[in-house]
Structure formats: C-alpha cells, structure tokens
C-alpha cells in the first residue's frame, strides 16, 4: 500500500508559455504535488521533524514557477519533480501544473499537465 502526501491548489504568478503576451504579462499558475512514501512511522511518532515540510514544498514550487521562465508547463512540472526528488526520500512524485483561463482560440477552463517521476536508484 502506498501512502500519499498532497499539497493542492498552490497558486503562483509566472511568465510561462509560447505566446509573447504570456511571457510579458504573465498569468496565474497552479500546482498540485503528491509525494508517495511510507508514512506509517511519521504517523505513529507524530513527530513534525519526520514529516514533509509544507513550507519547503511550497517554496520549491514558488522558486521554480516565479523564478524561472519556461515555454511549456511540462518543463515547469519536470523542474518541480526533479527538485522534490532531490529533496525528499520518496517512492514517487506526481506534479500537476495548471494554467487557468488559457487562451486557446475559445473557452478553456484550464490547461493542465500531470507527470509522475520516480527516483533513479
């Protein structure tokens, strides 16, 4: 059984996209993260030092979304996944990156990508 730790609907402002306006004006970028790991010991001990630090996870996402420029949200997700895998001992990481209200020639609620990565062992 795989335990999962999630942080959803983190919201940032980034300058990602293939259109000049996206790079110039920017837009809201939402991120969801899921870390797959055995959480039994964390839960049993109720020790904050054993758990995932939500401030660190948020900061990793914020630094990548707001501090770097990408053409594709796939690249944003890949950068976040790589940093989370470097930071935490997990079995898998899932990162979902979403741009609400994207311009696509019609009404689109959001553009979204989801990737899953495992550590290289």
PDB file of N, CA and C in Angstrom:
ATOM      1  N   UNK A   1       0.844  -1.188   0.000  1.00  0.00           N
ATOM      2  CA  UNK A   1       0.000   0.000   0.000  1.00  0.00           C
ATOM      3  C   UNK A   1       0.887   1.248   0.000  1.00  0.00           C
ATOM      4  N   UNK A   2       0.552   2.188  -0.832  1.00  0.00           N
ATOM      5  CA  UNK A   2       1.330   3.420  -0.940  1.00  0.00           C
ATOM      6  C   UNK A   2       0.602   4.560  -0.238  1.00  0.00           C
ATOM      7  N   UNK A   3       1.300   5.179   0.696  1.00  0.00           N
ATOM      8  CA  UNK A   3       0.757   6.368   1.353  1.00  0.00           C
ATOM      9  C   UNK A   3       1.070   7.575   0.480  1.00  0.00           C
ATOM     10  N   UNK A   4       0.222   8.588   0.583  1.00  0.00           N
ATOM     11  CA  UNK A   4       0.401   9.779  -0.257  1.00  0.00           C
ATOM     12  C   UNK A   4       0.238  11.041   0.579  1.00  0.00           C
ATOM     13  N   UNK A   5       1.158  11.964   0.373  1.00  0.00           N
ATOM     14  CA  UNK A   5       1.097  13.284   0.988  1.00  0.00           C
ATOM     15  C   UNK A   5       0.850  14.265  -0.147  1.00  0.00           C
ATOM     16  N   UNK A   6      -0.189  15.086  -0.015  1.00  0.00           N
ATOM     17  CA  UNK A   6      -0.543  16.008  -1.100  1.00  0.00           C
ATOM     18  C   UNK A   6      -0.590  17.458  -0.627  1.00  0.00           C
ATOM     19  N   UNK A   7      -0.206  18.323  -1.532  1.00  0.00           N
ATOM     20  CA  UNK A   7      -0.456  19.762  -1.392  1.00  0.00           C
ATOM     21  C   UNK A   7      -1.090  20.189  -2.705  1.00  0.00           C
ATOM     22  N   UNK A   8      -2.305  20.727  -2.624  1.00  0.00           N
ATOM     23  CA  UNK A   8      -3.072  21.057  -3.821  1.00  0.00           C
ATOM     24  C   UNK A   8      -3.394  22.541  -3.899  1.00  0.00           C
ATOM     25  N   UNK A   9      -3.569  22.972  -5.120  1.00  0.00           N
ATOM     26  CA  UNK A   9      -4.026  24.326  -5.437  1.00  0.00           C
ATOM     27  C   UNK A   9      -3.097  25.427  -4.929  1.00  0.00           C
ATOM     28  N   UNK A  10      -1.793  25.151  -4.968  1.00  0.00           N
ATOM     29  CA  UNK A  10      -0.830  26.222  -4.692  1.00  0.00           C
ATOM     30  C   UNK A  10      -0.897  27.175  -5.883  1.00  0.00           C
ATOM     31  N   UNK A  11      -0.916  28.453  -5.618  1.00  0.00           N
ATOM     32  CA  UNK A  11      -1.107  29.434  -6.675  1.00  0.00           C
ATOM     33  C   UNK A  11       0.063  30.412  -6.725  1.00  0.00           C
ATOM     34  N   UNK A  12       0.586  30.619  -7.927  1.00  0.00           N
ATOM     35  CA  UNK A  12       1.740  31.484  -8.141  1.00  0.00           C
ATOM     36  C   UNK A  12       1.486  32.349  -9.376  1.00  0.00           C
ATOM     37  N   UNK A  13       2.382  33.286  -9.626  1.00  0.00           N
ATOM     38  CA  UNK A  13       2.301  34.103 -10.821  1.00  0.00           C
ATOM     39  C   UNK A  13       3.573  33.871 -11.624  1.00  0.00           C
ATOM     40  N   UNK A  14       3.418  33.382 -12.857  1.00  0.00           N
ATOM     41  CA  UNK A  14       4.578  33.058 -13.668  1.00  0.00           C
ATOM     42  C   UNK A  14       4.474  33.592 -15.080  1.00  0.00           C
ATOM     43  N   UNK A  15       5.571  33.484 -15.798  1.00  0.00           N
ATOM     44  CA  UNK A  15       5.690  34.017 -17.157  1.00  0.00           C
ATOM     45  C   UNK A  15       6.054  32.884 -18.117  1.00  0.00           C
ATOM     46  N   UNK A  16       5.182  31.907 -18.209  1.00  0.00           N
ATOM     47  CA  UNK A  16       5.451  30.712 -18.998  1.00  0.00           C
ATOM     48  C   UNK A  16       4.483  30.614 -20.161  1.00  0.00           C
ATOM     49  N   UNK A  17       5.005  30.185 -21.291  1.00  0.00           N
ATOM     50  CA  UNK A  17       4.136  29.988 -22.444  1.00  0.00           C
ATOM     51  C   UNK A  17       4.877  30.220 -23.734  1.00  0.00           C
ATOM     52  N   UNK A  18       4.182  29.948 -24.820  1.00  0.00           N
ATOM     53  CA  UNK A  18       4.792  30.104 -26.144  1.00  0.00           C
ATOM     54  C   UNK A  18       4.399  31.422 -26.813  1.00  0.00           C
ATOM     55  N   UNK A  19       3.430  32.130 -26.213  1.00  0.00           N
ATOM     56  CA  UNK A  19       2.996  33.394 -26.780  1.00  0.00           C
ATOM     57  C   UNK A  19       3.675  34.561 -26.070  1.00  0.00           C
ATOM     58  N   UNK A  20       3.981  35.610 -26.820  1.00  0.00           N
ATOM     59  CA  UNK A  20       4.676  36.768 -26.264  1.00  0.00           C
ATOM     60  C   UNK A  20       3.920  37.370 -25.078  1.00  0.00           C
ATOM     61  N   UNK A  21       2.595  37.423 -25.169  1.00  0.00           N
ATOM     62  CA  UNK A  21       1.797  38.004 -24.086  1.00  0.00           C
ATOM     63  C   UNK A  21       1.964  37.223 -22.779  1.00  0.00           C
ATOM     64  N   UNK A  22       2.075  35.909 -22.887  1.00  0.00           N
ATOM     65  CA  UNK A  22       2.263  35.090 -21.681  1.00  0.00           C
ATOM     66  C   UNK A  22       3.593  35.408 -21.013  1.00  0.00           C
ATOM     67  N   UNK A  23       4.606  35.641 -21.816  1.00  0.00           N
ATOM     68  CA  UNK A  23       5.938  35.954 -21.297  1.00  0.00           C
ATOM     69  C   UNK A  23       6.002  37.392 -20.764  1.00  0.00           C
ATOM     70  N   UNK A  24       5.199  38.274 -21.355  1.00  0.00           N
ATOM     71  CA  UNK A  24       5.227  39.687 -20.994  1.00  0.00           C
ATOM     72  C   UNK A  24       4.307  40.013 -19.821  1.00  0.00           C
ATOM     73  N   UNK A  25       3.077  39.556 -19.903  1.00  0.00           N
ATOM     74  CA  UNK A  25       2.068  39.886 -18.890  1.00  0.00           C
ATOM     75  C   UNK A  25       2.057  38.870 -17.758  1.00  0.00           C
ATOM     76  N   UNK A  26       2.293  37.618 -18.099  1.00  0.00           N
ATOM     77  CA  UNK A  26       2.260  36.556 -17.108  1.00  0.00           C
ATOM     78  C   UNK A  26       0.845  36.101 -16.811  1.00  0.00           C
ATOM     79  N   UNK A  27       0.734  35.134 -15.916  1.00  0.00           N
ATOM     80  CA  UNK A  27      -0.568  34.602 -15.554  1.00  0.00           C
ATOM     81  C   UNK A  27      -0.454  33.761 -14.292  1.00  0.00           C
ATOM     82  N   UNK A  28      -1.587  33.441 -13.732  1.00  0.00           N
ATOM     83  CA  UNK A  28      -1.626  32.561 -12.571  1.00  0.00           C
ATOM     84  C   UNK A  28      -1.266  31.148 -13.021  1.00  0.00           C
ATOM     85  N   UNK A  29      -0.449  30.495 -12.226  1.00  0.00           N
ATOM     86  CA  UNK A  29      -0.075  29.101 -12.447  1.00  0.00           C
ATOM     87  C   UNK A  29      -0.363  28.356 -11.152  1.00  0.00           C
ATOM     88  N   UNK A  30      -1.134  27.276 -11.252  1.00  0.00           N
ATOM     89  CA  UNK A  30      -1.471  26.480 -10.082  1.00  0.00           C
ATOM     90  C   UNK A  30      -0.678  25.180 -10.107  1.00  0.00           C
ATOM     91  N   UNK A  31      -0.300  24.716  -8.919  1.00  0.00           N
ATOM     92  CA  UNK A  31       0.500  23.498  -8.804  1.00  0.00           C
ATOM     93  C   UNK A  31      -0.102  22.587  -7.739  1.00  0.00           C
ATOM     94  N   UNK A  32      -0.197  21.304  -8.068  1.00  0.00           N
ATOM     95  CA  UNK A  32      -0.551  20.254  -7.117  1.00  0.00           C
ATOM     96  C   UNK A  32       0.642  19.310  -7.037  1.00  0.00           C
ATOM     97  N   UNK A  33       0.933  18.833  -5.831  1.00  0.00           N
ATOM     98  CA  UNK A  33       2.051  17.919  -5.618  1.00  0.00           C
ATOM     99  C   UNK A  33       1.563  16.726  -4.812  1.00  0.00           C
ATOM    100  N   UNK A  34       2.037  15.549  -5.197  1.00  0.00           N
ATOM    101  CA  UNK A  34       1.744  14.334  -4.440  1.00  0.00           C
ATOM    102  C   UNK A  34       3.057  13.584  -4.249  1.00  0.00           C
ATOM    103  N   UNK A  35       3.389  13.296  -2.988  1.00  0.00           N
ATOM    104  CA  UNK A  35       4.586  12.540  -2.656  1.00  0.00           C
ATOM    105  C   UNK A  35       4.148  11.165  -2.154  1.00  0.00           C
ATOM    106  N   UNK A  36       4.669  10.124  -2.772  1.00  0.00           N
ATOM    107  CA  UNK A  36       4.317   8.756  -2.400  1.00  0.00           C
ATOM    108  C   UNK A  36       5.462   8.185  -1.567  1.00  0.00           C
ATOM    109  N   UNK A  37       5.142   7.792  -0.337  1.00  0.00           N
ATOM    110  CA  UNK A  37       6.143   7.258   0.589  1.00  0.00           C
ATOM    111  C   UNK A  37       5.424   6.518   1.706  1.00  0.00           C
ATOM    112  N   UNK A  38       6.155   5.727   2.452  1.00  0.00           N
ATOM    113  CA  UNK A  38       5.593   5.050   3.619  1.00  0.00           C
ATOM    114  C   UNK A  38       5.517   6.070   4.760  1.00  0.00           C
ATOM    115  N   UNK A  39       4.308   6.418   5.155  1.00  0.00           N
ATOM    116  CA  UNK A  39       4.102   7.431   6.189  1.00  0.00           C
ATOM    117  C   UNK A  39       3.753   6.837   7.549  1.00  0.00           C
ATOM    118  N   UNK A  40       3.825   5.515   7.678  1.00  0.00           N
ATOM    119  CA  UNK A  40       3.422   4.849   8.922  1.00  0.00           C
ATOM    120  C   UNK A  40       4.235   5.314  10.123  1.00  0.00           C
ATOM    121  N   UNK A  41       5.548   5.397   9.970  1.00  0.00           N
ATOM    122  CA  UNK A  41       6.397   5.813  11.091  1.00  0.00           C
ATOM    123  C   UNK A  41       6.135   7.273  11.469  1.00  0.00           C
ATOM    124  N   UNK A  42       5.949   8.117  10.467  1.00  0.00           N
ATOM    125  CA  UNK A  42       5.619   9.529  10.729  1.00  0.00           C
ATOM    126  C   UNK A  42       4.331   9.616  11.537  1.00  0.00           C
ATOM    127  N   UNK A  43       3.320   8.879  11.100  1.00  0.00           N
ATOM    128  CA  UNK A  43       2.017   8.920  11.765  1.00  0.00           C
ATOM    129  C   UNK A  43       2.096   8.362  13.182  1.00  0.00           C
ATOM    130  N   UNK A  44       2.824   7.278  13.357  1.00  0.00           N
ATOM    131  CA  UNK A  44       2.944   6.644  14.671  1.00  0.00           C
ATOM    132  C   UNK A  44       3.651   7.553  15.669  1.00  0.00           C
ATOM    133  N   UNK A  45       4.725   8.207  15.238  1.00  0.00           N
ATOM    134  CA  UNK A  45       5.526   9.032  16.141  1.00  0.00           C
ATOM    135  C   UNK A  45       4.993  10.447  16.312  1.00  0.00           C
ATOM    136  N   UNK A  46       4.168  10.904  15.391  1.00  0.00           N
ATOM    137  CA  UNK A  46       3.608  12.258  15.446  1.00  0.00           C
ATOM    138  C   UNK A  46       4.698  13.302  15.667  1.00  0.00           C
ATOM    139  N   UNK A  47       5.812  13.118  14.971  1.00  0.00           N
ATOM    140  CA  UNK A  47       6.975  13.999  15.106  1.00  0.00           C
ATOM    141  C   UNK A  47       7.085  14.872  13.853  1.00  0.00           C
ATOM    142  N   UNK A  48       6.915  16.179  13.996  1.00  0.00           N
ATOM    143  CA  UNK A  48       6.980  17.063  12.825  1.00  0.00           C
ATOM    144  C   UNK A  48       8.294  16.965  12.051  1.00  0.00           C
ATOM    145  N   UNK A  49       9.377  16.626  12.727  1.00  0.00           N
ATOM    146  CA  UNK A  49      10.665  16.512  12.047  1.00  0.00           C
ATOM    147  C   UNK A  49      10.727  15.303  11.115  1.00  0.00           C
ATOM    148  N   UNK A  50       9.820  14.355  11.284  1.00  0.00           N
ATOM    149  CA  UNK A  50       9.802  13.164  10.436  1.00  0.00           C
ATOM    150  C   UNK A  50       8.914  13.358   9.209  1.00  0.00           C
ATOM    151  N   UNK A  51       8.055  14.352   9.235  1.00  0.00           N
ATOM    152  CA  UNK A  51       7.106  14.562   8.147  1.00  0.00           C
ATOM    153  C   UNK A  51       7.658  15.468   7.066  1.00  0.00           C
ATOM    154  N   UNK A  52       6.866  15.636   6.029  1.00  0.00           N
ATOM    155  CA  UNK A  52       7.212  16.576   4.970  1.00  0.00           C
ATOM    156  C   UNK A  52       6.945  17.989   5.456  1.00  0.00           C
ATOM    157  N   UNK A  53       7.797  18.915   5.075  1.00  0.00           N
ATOM    158  CA  UNK A  53       7.647  20.306   5.490  1.00  0.00           C
ATOM    159  C   UNK A  53       6.871  21.069   4.404  1.00  0.00           C
ATOM    160  N   UNK A  54       5.633  21.468   4.699  1.00  0.00           N
ATOM    161  CA  UNK A  54       4.833  22.138   3.672  1.00  0.00           C
ATOM    162  C   UNK A  54       5.435  23.471   3.222  1.00  0.00           C
ATOM    163  N   UNK A  55       6.133  24.154   4.111  1.00  0.00           N
ATOM    164  CA  UNK A  55       6.766  25.420   3.733  1.00  0.00           C
ATOM    165  C   UNK A  55       7.868  25.159   2.704  1.00  0.00           C
ATOM    166  N   UNK A  56       8.653  24.109   2.927  1.00  0.00           N
ATOM    167  CA  UNK A  56       9.715  23.778   1.972  1.00  0.00           C
ATOM    168  C   UNK A  56       9.142  23.376   0.614  1.00  0.00           C
ATOM    169  N   UNK A  57       8.080  22.582   0.619  1.00  0.00           N
ATOM    170  CA  UNK A  57       7.461  22.153  -0.644  1.00  0.00           C
ATOM    171  C   UNK A  57       6.912  23.366  -1.390  1.00  0.00           C
ATOM    172  N   UNK A  58       6.211  24.235  -0.673  1.00  0.00           N
ATOM    173  CA  UNK A  58       5.660  25.447  -1.282  1.00  0.00           C
ATOM    174  C   UNK A  58       6.788  26.304  -1.864  1.00  0.00           C
ATOM    175  N   UNK A  59       7.869  26.454  -1.110  1.00  0.00           N
ATOM    176  CA  UNK A  59       8.986  27.292  -1.547  1.00  0.00           C
ATOM    177  C   UNK A  59       9.657  26.722  -2.786  1.00  0.00           C
ATOM    178  N   UNK A  60       9.825  25.407  -2.849  1.00  0.00           N
ATOM    179  CA  UNK A  60      10.389  24.776  -4.049  1.00  0.00           C
ATOM    180  C   UNK A  60       9.531  25.119  -5.266  1.00  0.00           C
ATOM    181  N   UNK A  61       8.230  24.949  -5.137  1.00  0.00           N
ATOM    182  CA  UNK A  61       7.319  25.243  -6.247  1.00  0.00           C
ATOM    183  C   UNK A  61       7.354  26.727  -6.613  1.00  0.00           C
ATOM    184  N   UNK A  62       7.307  27.583  -5.615  1.00  0.00           N
ATOM    185  CA  UNK A  62       7.302  29.035  -5.843  1.00  0.00           C
ATOM    186  C   UNK A  62       8.584  29.494  -6.552  1.00  0.00           C
ATOM    187  N   UNK A  63       9.732  29.013  -6.068  1.00  0.00           N
ATOM    188  CA  UNK A  63      11.003  29.424  -6.667  1.00  0.00           C
ATOM    189  C   UNK A  63      11.088  29.032  -8.136  1.00  0.00           C
ATOM    190  N   UNK A  64      10.550  27.875  -8.479  1.00  0.00           N
ATOM    191  CA  UNK A  64      10.597  27.424  -9.874  1.00  0.00           C
ATOM    192  C   UNK A  64       9.576  28.171 -10.724  1.00  0.00           C
ATOM    193  N   UNK A  65       8.336  28.266 -10.250  1.00  0.00           N
ATOM    194  CA  UNK A  65       7.286  28.916 -11.049  1.00  0.00           C
ATOM    195  C   UNK A  65       7.541  30.411 -11.188  1.00  0.00           C
ATOM    196  N   UNK A  66       7.930  31.070 -10.111  1.00  0.00           N
ATOM    197  CA  UNK A  66       8.093  32.523 -10.156  1.00  0.00           C
ATOM    198  C   UNK A  66       9.516  32.971 -10.466  1.00  0.00           C
ATOM    199  N   UNK A  67      10.471  32.077 -10.346  1.00  0.00           N
ATOM    200  CA  UNK A  67      11.856  32.474 -10.525  1.00  0.00           C
ATOM    201  C   UNK A  67      12.475  32.090 -11.855  1.00  0.00           C
ATOM    202  N   UNK A  68      11.772  31.278 -12.631  1.00  0.00           N
ATOM    203  CA  UNK A  68      12.312  30.827 -13.909  1.00  0.00           C
ATOM    204  C   UNK A  68      11.262  30.983 -14.996  1.00  0.00           C
ATOM    205  N   UNK A  69      11.715  31.033 -16.244  1.00  0.00           N
ATOM    206  CA  UNK A  69      10.811  31.139 -17.385  1.00  0.00           C
ATOM    207  C   UNK A  69      10.883  29.865 -18.217  1.00  0.00           C
ATOM    208  N   UNK A  70       9.715  29.348 -18.568  1.00  0.00           N
ATOM    209  CA  UNK A  70       9.618  28.142 -19.382  1.00  0.00           C
ATOM    210  C   UNK A  70       8.656  28.387 -20.534  1.00  0.00           C
ATOM    211  N   UNK A  71       8.848  27.665 -21.624  1.00  0.00           N
ATOM    212  CA  UNK A  71       7.895  27.701 -22.724  1.00  0.00           C
ATOM    213  C   UNK A  71       6.707  26.789 -22.442  1.00  0.00           C
ATOM    214  N   UNK A  72       6.971  25.632 -21.845  1.00  0.00           N
ATOM    215  CA  UNK A  72       5.949  24.614 -21.658  1.00  0.00           C
ATOM    216  C   UNK A  72       5.706  24.332 -20.178  1.00  0.00           C
ATOM    217  N   UNK A  73       4.437  24.101 -19.841  1.00  0.00           N
ATOM    218  CA  UNK A  73       4.146  23.743 -18.455  1.00  0.00           C
ATOM    219  C   UNK A  73       4.697  22.349 -18.131  1.00  0.00           C
ATOM    220  N   UNK A  74       4.944  21.542 -19.146  1.00  0.00           N
ATOM    221  CA  UNK A  74       5.600  20.256 -18.927  1.00  0.00           C
ATOM    222  C   UNK A  74       6.981  20.455 -18.310  1.00  0.00           C
ATOM    223  N   UNK A  75       7.681  21.474 -18.786  1.00  0.00           N
ATOM    224  CA  UNK A  75       9.020  21.771 -18.273  1.00  0.00           C
ATOM    225  C   UNK A  75       8.949  22.298 -16.840  1.00  0.00           C
ATOM    226  N   UNK A  76       7.911  23.072 -16.531  1.00  0.00           N
ATOM    227  CA  UNK A  76       7.712  23.550 -15.159  1.00  0.00           C
ATOM    228  C   UNK A  76       7.522  22.347 -14.231  1.00  0.00           C
ATOM    229  N   UNK A  77       6.639  21.432 -14.639  1.00  0.00           N
ATOM    230  CA  UNK A  77       6.366  20.239 -13.830  1.00  0.00           C
ATOM    231  C   UNK A  77       7.620  19.392 -13.648  1.00  0.00           C
ATOM    232  N   UNK A  78       8.387  19.231 -14.695  1.00  0.00           N
ATOM    233  CA  UNK A  78       9.611  18.419 -14.638  1.00  0.00           C
ATOM    234  C   UNK A  78      10.625  19.028 -13.672  1.00  0.00           C
ATOM    235  N   UNK A  79      10.774  20.345 -13.704  1.00  0.00           N
ATOM    236  CA  UNK A  79      11.707  21.015 -12.798  1.00  0.00           C
ATOM    237  C   UNK A  79      11.285  20.842 -11.339  1.00  0.00           C
ATOM    238  N   UNK A  80       9.995  20.979 -11.075  1.00  0.00           N
ATOM    239  CA  UNK A  80       9.491  20.800  -9.711  1.00  0.00           C
ATOM    240  C   UNK A  80       9.690  19.358  -9.258  1.00  0.00           C
ATOM    241  N   UNK A  81       9.347  18.403 -10.111  1.00  0.00           N
ATOM    242  CA  UNK A  81       9.504  16.988  -9.761  1.00  0.00           C
ATOM    243  C   UNK A  81      10.960  16.663  -9.456  1.00  0.00           C
ATOM    244  N   UNK A  82      11.860  17.154 -10.279  1.00  0.00           N
ATOM    245  CA  UNK A  82      13.289  16.901 -10.063  1.00  0.00           C
ATOM    246  C   UNK A  82      13.778  17.438  -8.737  1.00  0.00           C
ATOM    247  N   UNK A  83      13.349  18.650  -8.402  1.00  0.00           N
ATOM    248  CA  UNK A  83      13.777  19.257  -7.132  1.00  0.00           C
ATOM    249  C   UNK A  83      13.189  18.503  -5.936  1.00  0.00           C
ATOM    250  N   UNK A  84      11.929  18.085  -6.040  1.00  0.00           N
ATOM    251  CA  UNK A  84      11.313  17.324  -4.946  1.00  0.00           C
ATOM    252  C   UNK A  84      12.001  15.974  -4.770  1.00  0.00           C
ATOM    253  N   UNK A  85      12.362  15.319  -5.864  1.00  0.00           N
ATOM    254  CA  UNK A  85      13.068  14.041  -5.767  1.00  0.00           C
ATOM    255  C   UNK A  85      14.459  14.216  -5.164  1.00  0.00           C
ATOM    256  N   UNK A  86      15.095  15.350  -5.444  1.00  0.00           N
ATOM    257  CA  UNK A  86      16.407  15.629  -4.852  1.00  0.00           C
ATOM    258  C   UNK A  86      16.312  15.950  -3.368  1.00  0.00           C
ATOM    259  N   UNK A  87      15.159  16.443  -2.938  1.00  0.00           N
ATOM    260  CA  UNK A  87      14.983  16.910  -1.561  1.00  0.00           C
ATOM    261  C   UNK A  87      14.476  15.822  -0.624  1.00  0.00           C
ATOM    262  N   UNK A  88      13.593  14.976  -1.111  1.00  0.00           N
ATOM    263  CA  UNK A  88      12.906  14.012  -0.245  1.00  0.00           C
ATOM    264  C   UNK A  88      13.155  12.574  -0.673  1.00  0.00           C
ATOM    265  N   UNK A  89      13.162  11.684   0.306  1.00  0.00           N
ATOM    266  CA  UNK A  89      13.268  10.248   0.067  1.00  0.00           C
ATOM    267  C   UNK A  89      11.853   9.707  -0.127  1.00  0.00           C
ATOM    268  N   UNK A  90      11.438   9.617  -1.390  1.00  0.00           N
ATOM    269  CA  UNK A  90      10.086   9.176  -1.728  1.00  0.00           C
ATOM    270  C   UNK A  90      10.158   8.091  -2.793  1.00  0.00           C
ATOM    271  N   UNK A  91       9.069   7.345  -2.927  1.00  0.00           N
ATOM    272  CA  UNK A  91       8.985   6.316  -3.954  1.00  0.00           C
ATOM    273  C   UNK A  91       8.558   6.894  -5.302  1.00  0.00           C
ATOM    274  N   UNK A  92       7.798   7.977  -5.249  1.00  0.00           N
ATOM    275  CA  UNK A  92       7.293   8.598  -6.472  1.00  0.00           C
ATOM    276  C   UNK A  92       6.831  10.015  -6.149  1.00  0.00           C
ATOM    277  N   UNK A  93       6.911  10.854  -7.144  1.00  0.00           N
ATOM    278  CA  UNK A  93       6.363  12.200  -7.023  1.00  0.00           C
ATOM    279  C   UNK A  93       5.455  12.453  -8.222  1.00  0.00           C
ATOM    280  N   UNK A  94       4.310  13.073  -7.952  1.00  0.00           N
ATOM    281  CA  UNK A  94       3.410  13.500  -9.013  1.00  0.00           C
ATOM    282  C   UNK A  94       3.325  15.019  -8.918  1.00  0.00           C
ATOM    283  N   UNK A  95       3.436  15.668 -10.053  1.00  0.00           N
ATOM    284  CA  UNK A  95       3.295  17.124 -10.107  1.00  0.00           C
ATOM    285  C   UNK A  95       2.281  17.451 -11.189  1.00  0.00           C
ATOM    286  N   UNK A  96       1.329  18.263 -10.826  1.00  0.00           N
ATOM    287  CA  UNK A  96       0.314  18.742 -11.766  1.00  0.00           C
ATOM    288  C   UNK A  96       0.467  20.262 -11.844  1.00  0.00           C
ATOM    289  N   UNK A  97       0.612  20.784 -13.056  1.00  0.00           N
ATOM    290  CA  UNK A  97       0.728  22.229 -13.277  1.00  0.00           C
ATOM    291  C   UNK A  97      -0.433  22.646 -14.165  1.00  0.00           C
ATOM    292  N   UNK A  98      -1.091  23.726 -13.744  1.00  0.00           N
ATOM    293  CA  UNK A  98      -2.321  24.161 -14.415  1.00  0.00           C
ATOM    294  C   UNK A  98      -2.266  25.667 -14.662  1.00  0.00           C
ATOM    295  N   UNK A  99      -2.680  26.067 -15.871  1.00  0.00           N
ATOM    296  CA  UNK A  99      -2.851  27.485 -16.190  1.00  0.00           C
ATOM    297  C   UNK A  99      -4.346  27.712 -16.422  1.00  0.00           C
ATOM    298  N   UNK A 100      -5.025  28.330 -15.460  1.00  0.00           N
ATOM    299  CA  UNK A 100      -6.459  28.598 -15.626  1.00  0.00           C
ATOM    300  C   UNK A 100      -6.695  29.661 -16.701  1.00  0.00           C
ATOM    301  N   UNK A 101      -7.803  29.527 -17.397  1.00  0.00           N
ATOM    302  CA  UNK A 101      -8.215  30.549 -18.357  1.00  0.00           C
ATOM    303  C   UNK A 101      -7.235  30.773 -19.488  1.00  0.00           C
ATOM    304  N   UNK A 102      -6.615  29.713 -19.959  1.00  0.00           N
ATOM    305  CA  UNK A 102      -5.630  29.833 -21.024  1.00  0.00           C
ATOM    306  C   UNK A 102      -6.304  30.246 -22.339  1.00  0.00           C
ATOM    307  N   UNK A 103      -5.594  31.009 -23.136  1.00  0.00           N
ATOM    308  CA  UNK A 103      -6.094  31.434 -24.440  1.00  0.00           C
ATOM    309  C   UNK A 103      -5.795  30.350 -25.466  1.00  0.00           C
ATOM    310  N   UNK A 104      -6.864  29.761 -26.007  1.00  0.00           N
ATOM    311  CA  UNK A 104      -6.677  28.687 -26.986  1.00  0.00           C
ATOM    312  C   UNK A 104      -7.664  28.827 -28.143  1.00  0.00           C
ATOM    313  N   UNK A 105      -8.063  30.042 -28.454  1.00  0.00           N
ATOM    314  CA  UNK A 105      -8.991  30.270 -29.551  1.00  0.00           C
ATOM    315  C   UNK A 105     -10.439  30.003 -29.192  1.00  0.00           C
ATOM    316  N   UNK A 106     -10.709  29.802 -27.929  1.00  0.00           N
ATOM    317  CA  UNK A 106     -12.060  29.539 -27.457  1.00  0.00           C
ATOM    318  C   UNK A 106     -12.061  29.442 -25.941  1.00  0.00           C
ATOM    319  N   UNK A 107     -13.182  29.061 -25.386  1.00  0.00           N
ATOM    320  CA  UNK A 107     -13.306  28.985 -23.933  1.00  0.00           C
ATOM    321  C   UNK A 107     -12.657  27.697 -23.428  1.00  0.00           C
ATOM    322  N   UNK A 108     -11.669  27.863 -22.574  1.00  0.00           N
ATOM    323  CA  UNK A 108     -10.967  26.736 -21.960  1.00  0.00           C
ATOM    324  C   UNK A 108     -10.838  27.051 -20.471  1.00  0.00           C
ATOM    325  N   UNK A 109     -11.320  26.146 -19.632  1.00  0.00           N
ATOM    326  CA  UNK A 109     -11.234  26.361 -18.188  1.00  0.00           C
ATOM    327  C   UNK A 109      -9.805  26.379 -17.681  1.00  0.00           C
ATOM    328  N   UNK A 110      -8.977  25.472 -18.199  1.00  0.00           N
ATOM    329  CA  UNK A 110      -7.578  25.413 -17.784  1.00  0.00           C
ATOM    330  C   UNK A 110      -6.810  24.495 -18.718  1.00  0.00           C
ATOM    331  N   UNK A 111      -5.533  24.766 -18.810  1.00  0.00           N
ATOM    332  CA  UNK A 111      -4.589  23.875 -19.470  1.00  0.00           C
ATOM    333  C   UNK A 111      -3.812  23.211 -18.349  1.00  0.00           C
ATOM    334  N   UNK A 112      -3.621  21.891 -18.433  1.00  0.00           N
ATOM    335  CA  UNK A 112      -3.018  21.181 -17.302  1.00  0.00           C
ATOM    336  C   UNK A 112      -2.151  20.033 -17.795  1.00  0.00           C
ATOM    337  N   UNK A 113      -1.068  19.789 -17.078  1.00  0.00           N
ATOM    338  CA  UNK A 113      -0.218  18.635 -17.335  1.00  0.00           C
ATOM    339  C   UNK A 113       0.039  17.948 -16.008  1.00  0.00           C
ATOM    340  N   UNK A 114       0.129  16.619 -16.040  1.00  0.00           N
ATOM    341  CA  UNK A 114       0.460  15.834 -14.853  1.00  0.00           C
ATOM    342  C   UNK A 114       1.575  14.886 -15.211  1.00  0.00           C
ATOM    343  N   UNK A 115       2.628  14.893 -14.379  1.00  0.00           N
ATOM    344  CA  UNK A 115       3.730  13.969 -14.597  1.00  0.00           C
ATOM    345  C   UNK A 115       3.987  13.185 -13.315  1.00  0.00           C
ATOM    346  N   UNK A 116       4.505  11.987 -13.477  1.00  0.00           N
ATOM    347  CA  UNK A 116       4.903  11.134 -12.355  1.00  0.00           C
ATOM    348  C   UNK A 116       6.337  10.714 -12.584  1.00  0.00           C
ATOM    349  N   UNK A 117       7.149  10.887 -11.561  1.00  0.00           N
ATOM    350  CA  UNK A 117       8.564  10.521 -11.658  1.00  0.00           C
ATOM    351  C   UNK A 117       8.962   9.723 -10.417  1.00  0.00           C
ATOM    352  N   UNK A 118       9.916   8.809 -10.613  1.00  0.00           N
ATOM    353  CA  UNK A 118      10.466   8.025  -9.523  1.00  0.00           C
ATOM    354  C   UNK A 118      11.948   8.301  -9.422  1.00  0.00           C
ATOM    355  N   UNK A 119      12.508   8.150  -8.228  1.00  0.00           N
ATOM    356  CA  UNK A 119      13.947   8.401  -8.091  1.00  0.00           C
ATOM    357  C   UNK A 119      14.767   7.371  -8.863  1.00  0.00           C
ATOM    358  N   UNK A 120      15.913   7.793  -9.338  1.00  0.00           N
ATOM    359  CA  UNK A 120      16.848   6.880 -10.008  1.00  0.00           C
ATOM    360  C   UNK A 120      17.630   6.168  -8.913  1.00  0.00           C
ATOM    361  N   UNK A 121      17.401   4.884  -8.767  1.00  0.00           N
ATOM    362  CA  UNK A 121      18.080   4.139  -7.684  1.00  0.00           C
ATOM    363  C   UNK A 121      19.027   3.121  -8.244  1.00  0.00           C
TER     364      UNK A 121
END
